[in-house]
Amino acid sequence: MSGLENLNKTWFVDIDGTLLIHKSNEELDQIIEENNIKSHLYETPIIEAVSFINNLPKGDRVILTTARDNRHLAHTMRTLHHFDIRYNQIVDSLGAGPRIVVNDIKPAGTAGNEENLDTAYAINVNRDQGNIREKNTEIEQKIRSQCEGKVEMIF
């Protein structure tokens, strides 16, 4: 596939309610104040979602997003490490409102695709339920159909 664009995915994944049971900034303040360096032990991972993220293909990148304030970053990183949650980067202090991803469409032929290939998708999961795998199936099928079997992709 020399000269063709890379089709490894970049996953933008929210932390609270998606990978960890949801906690507000105020709840985190209290947990950190009461437990200091052991505060991460008072977080709860959503096992199904963590397993999904940890089993993504090695070439995929995982960027965690969160409305957690920057003052909680050290605690959050300890928590992610403690529960062995895969990530490449964290973007914190985001608003709690909708997250919108905008990306260009790959023109036909640039990635082994015969037709234009959409490159932005969204998965909305139910808070604290970890149903990423179930919601991702539709997206996988759409990408496969756009590539018409011409591109070997790992899901």
Protein backbone atom coordinates (compact mmCIF):
# COMPACT_ATOMS: atom_id res chain seq x y z
CA MET A 1 0.00 0.00 0.00
CA SER A 2 2.90 2.32 -0.69
CA GLY A 3 1.84 5.91 -1.22
CA LEU A 4 -1.60 5.34 0.26
CA GLU A 5 -2.87 7.15 3.34
CA ASN A 6 -2.84 5.42 6.72
CA LEU A 7 -6.18 4.02 7.88
CA ASN A 8 -5.30 3.54 11.55
CA LYS A 9 -8.00 5.13 13.65
CA THR A 10 -7.79 7.88 16.25
CA TRP A 11 -10.29 7.34 19.03
CA PHE A 12 -11.49 10.36 21.02
CA VAL A 13 -12.96 8.80 24.16
CA ASP A 14 -14.55 10.56 27.10
CA ILE A 15 -13.43 9.42 30.55
CA ASP A 16 -16.39 9.96 32.90
CA GLY A 17 -19.40 7.81 32.19
CA THR A 18 -17.54 6.04 29.37
CA LEU A 19 -14.38 4.47 30.85
CA LEU A 20 -14.91 5.30 34.54
CA ILE A 21 -18.11 5.63 36.53
CA HIS A 22 -19.06 9.30 36.24
CA LYS A 23 -17.76 11.73 38.87
CA SER A 24 -18.19 15.50 38.89
CA ASN A 25 -15.31 17.90 39.57
CA GLU A 26 -16.81 18.53 43.01
CA GLU A 27 -16.89 14.80 43.79
CA LEU A 28 -13.29 14.48 42.63
CA ASP A 29 -12.25 17.41 44.86
CA GLN A 30 -13.74 15.63 47.88
CA ILE A 31 -12.20 12.24 47.02
CA ILE A 32 -8.77 13.82 46.52
CA GLU A 33 -9.00 15.89 49.71
CA GLU A 34 -10.05 12.89 51.82
CA ASN A 35 -7.70 10.30 50.29
CA ASN A 36 -4.76 12.26 48.84
CA ILE A 37 -2.31 9.99 46.96
CA LYS A 38 -4.69 7.00 47.26
CA SER A 39 -7.65 8.90 45.77
CA HIS A 40 -7.48 6.81 42.58
CA LEU A 41 -8.63 3.78 44.60
CA TYR A 42 -12.06 5.45 44.88
CA GLU A 43 -12.66 5.41 41.13
CA THR A 44 -14.51 2.57 39.39
CA PRO A 45 -13.62 1.42 35.87
CA ILE A 46 -16.29 0.32 33.41
CA ILE A 47 -14.74 -3.05 32.61
CA GLU A 48 -16.40 -3.69 29.22
CA ALA A 49 -15.38 -0.26 27.90
CA VAL A 50 -11.81 -0.52 29.25
CA SER A 51 -11.47 -3.95 27.64
CA PHE A 52 -12.69 -2.57 24.31
CA ILE A 53 -10.19 0.32 24.36
CA ASN A 54 -7.31 -1.85 25.56
CA ASN A 55 -7.92 -4.32 22.71
CA LEU A 56 -7.94 -1.83 19.85
CA PRO A 57 -5.31 -2.48 17.17
CA LYS A 58 -1.83 -1.35 18.24
CA GLY A 59 -1.64 1.23 15.42
CA ASP A 60 -4.76 3.05 16.61
CA ARG A 61 -4.34 6.12 18.85
CA VAL A 62 -6.48 6.80 21.92
CA ILE A 63 -7.03 10.40 22.97
CA LEU A 64 -8.99 10.71 26.18
CA THR A 65 -11.23 13.74 26.60
CA THR A 66 -12.73 14.99 29.82
CA ALA A 67 -14.54 17.84 31.52
CA ARG A 68 -12.38 17.12 34.58
CA ASP A 69 -10.50 20.27 35.52
CA ASN A 70 -6.74 20.35 35.03
CA ARG A 71 -6.31 20.29 38.83
CA HIS A 72 -7.47 16.64 38.68
CA LEU A 73 -4.95 15.58 36.02
CA ALA A 74 -2.45 13.86 38.35
CA HIS A 75 -5.28 11.97 40.06
CA THR A 76 -6.76 11.00 36.67
CA MET A 77 -3.41 9.76 35.36
CA ARG A 78 -2.87 7.68 38.54
CA THR A 79 -6.35 6.21 38.05
CA LEU A 80 -5.72 5.34 34.39
CA HIS A 81 -2.38 3.76 35.28
CA HIS A 82 -3.85 1.85 38.24
CA PHE A 83 -6.57 0.31 36.07
CA ASP A 84 -4.20 -0.16 33.10
CA ILE A 85 -6.34 1.94 30.75
CA ARG A 86 -4.65 2.55 27.40
CA TYR A 87 -4.25 6.10 26.10
CA ASN A 88 -1.82 8.23 24.12
CA GLN A 89 -2.94 11.68 25.22
CA ILE A 90 -5.43 13.41 27.54
CA VAL A 91 -7.33 16.60 26.74
CA ASP A 92 -8.82 17.96 29.98
CA SER A 93 -10.84 20.97 31.13
CA LEU A 94 -13.35 20.61 28.28
CA GLY A 95 -16.90 21.77 28.65
CA ALA A 96 -19.51 19.19 29.58
CA GLY A 97 -21.51 19.93 26.42
CA PRO A 98 -21.51 18.00 23.15
CA ARG A 99 -18.19 17.10 21.50
CA ILE A 100 -18.11 17.49 17.74
CA VAL A 101 -15.41 15.96 15.52
CA VAL A 102 -14.83 17.49 12.09
CA ASN A 103 -12.59 15.74 9.56
CA ASP A 104 -12.14 15.65 5.78
CA ILE A 105 -13.46 12.90 3.52
CA LYS A 106 -10.72 10.80 1.90
CA PRO A 107 -11.14 11.05 -1.89
CA ALA A 108 -11.46 7.80 -3.83
CA GLY A 109 -8.11 6.08 -4.37
CA THR A 110 -6.19 7.77 -1.55
CA ALA A 111 -6.47 4.84 0.86
CA GLY A 112 -7.25 1.93 -1.44
CA ASN A 113 -10.89 3.01 -1.42
CA GLU A 114 -12.95 3.02 -4.64
CA GLU A 115 -15.37 5.64 -3.30
CA ASN A 116 -14.99 8.64 -1.00
CA LEU A 117 -14.35 7.50 2.57
CA ASP A 118 -15.97 9.22 5.55
CA THR A 119 -13.43 9.85 8.32
CA ALA A 120 -15.53 11.20 11.20
CA TYR A 121 -17.96 9.12 13.25
CA ALA A 122 -19.67 9.39 16.62
CA ILE A 123 -20.64 6.78 19.19
CA ASN A 124 -22.99 7.87 21.94
CA VAL A 125 -23.05 5.40 24.83
CA ASN A 126 -25.33 5.22 27.83
CA ARG A 127 -23.61 6.76 30.86
CA ASP A 128 -21.76 4.23 33.06
CA GLN A 129 -22.84 1.24 30.93
CA GLY A 130 -19.76 0.63 28.76
CA ASN A 131 -21.57 -0.37 25.57
CA ILE A 132 -18.92 0.90 23.13
CA ARG A 133 -18.41 -2.44 21.32
CA GLU A 134 -22.12 -2.80 20.59
CA LYS A 135 -22.39 0.77 19.27
CA ASN A 136 -19.19 0.49 17.18
CA THR A 137 -20.48 -2.40 15.03
CA GLU A 138 -22.50 -0.07 12.78
CA ILE A 139 -19.47 2.13 12.11
CA GLU A 140 -17.25 -0.87 11.29
CA GLN A 141 -19.80 -2.07 8.74
CA LYS A 142 -20.01 1.37 7.10
CA ILE A 143 -16.21 1.68 6.80
CA ARG A 144 -15.93 -1.83 5.36
CA SER A 145 -18.64 -1.10 2.78
CA GLN A 146 -16.91 2.14 1.71
CA CYS A 147 -13.63 0.29 1.21
CA GLU A 148 -15.36 -2.52 -0.72
CA GLY A 149 -12.87 -5.13 0.52
CA LYS A 150 -10.00 -3.36 -1.28
CA VAL A 151 -8.29 -2.31 1.95
CA GLU A 152 -7.16 -4.66 4.68
CA MET A 153 -8.35 -3.07 7.90
CA ILE A 154 -8.05 -4.41 11.41
CA PHE A 155 -11.08 -3.99 13.65
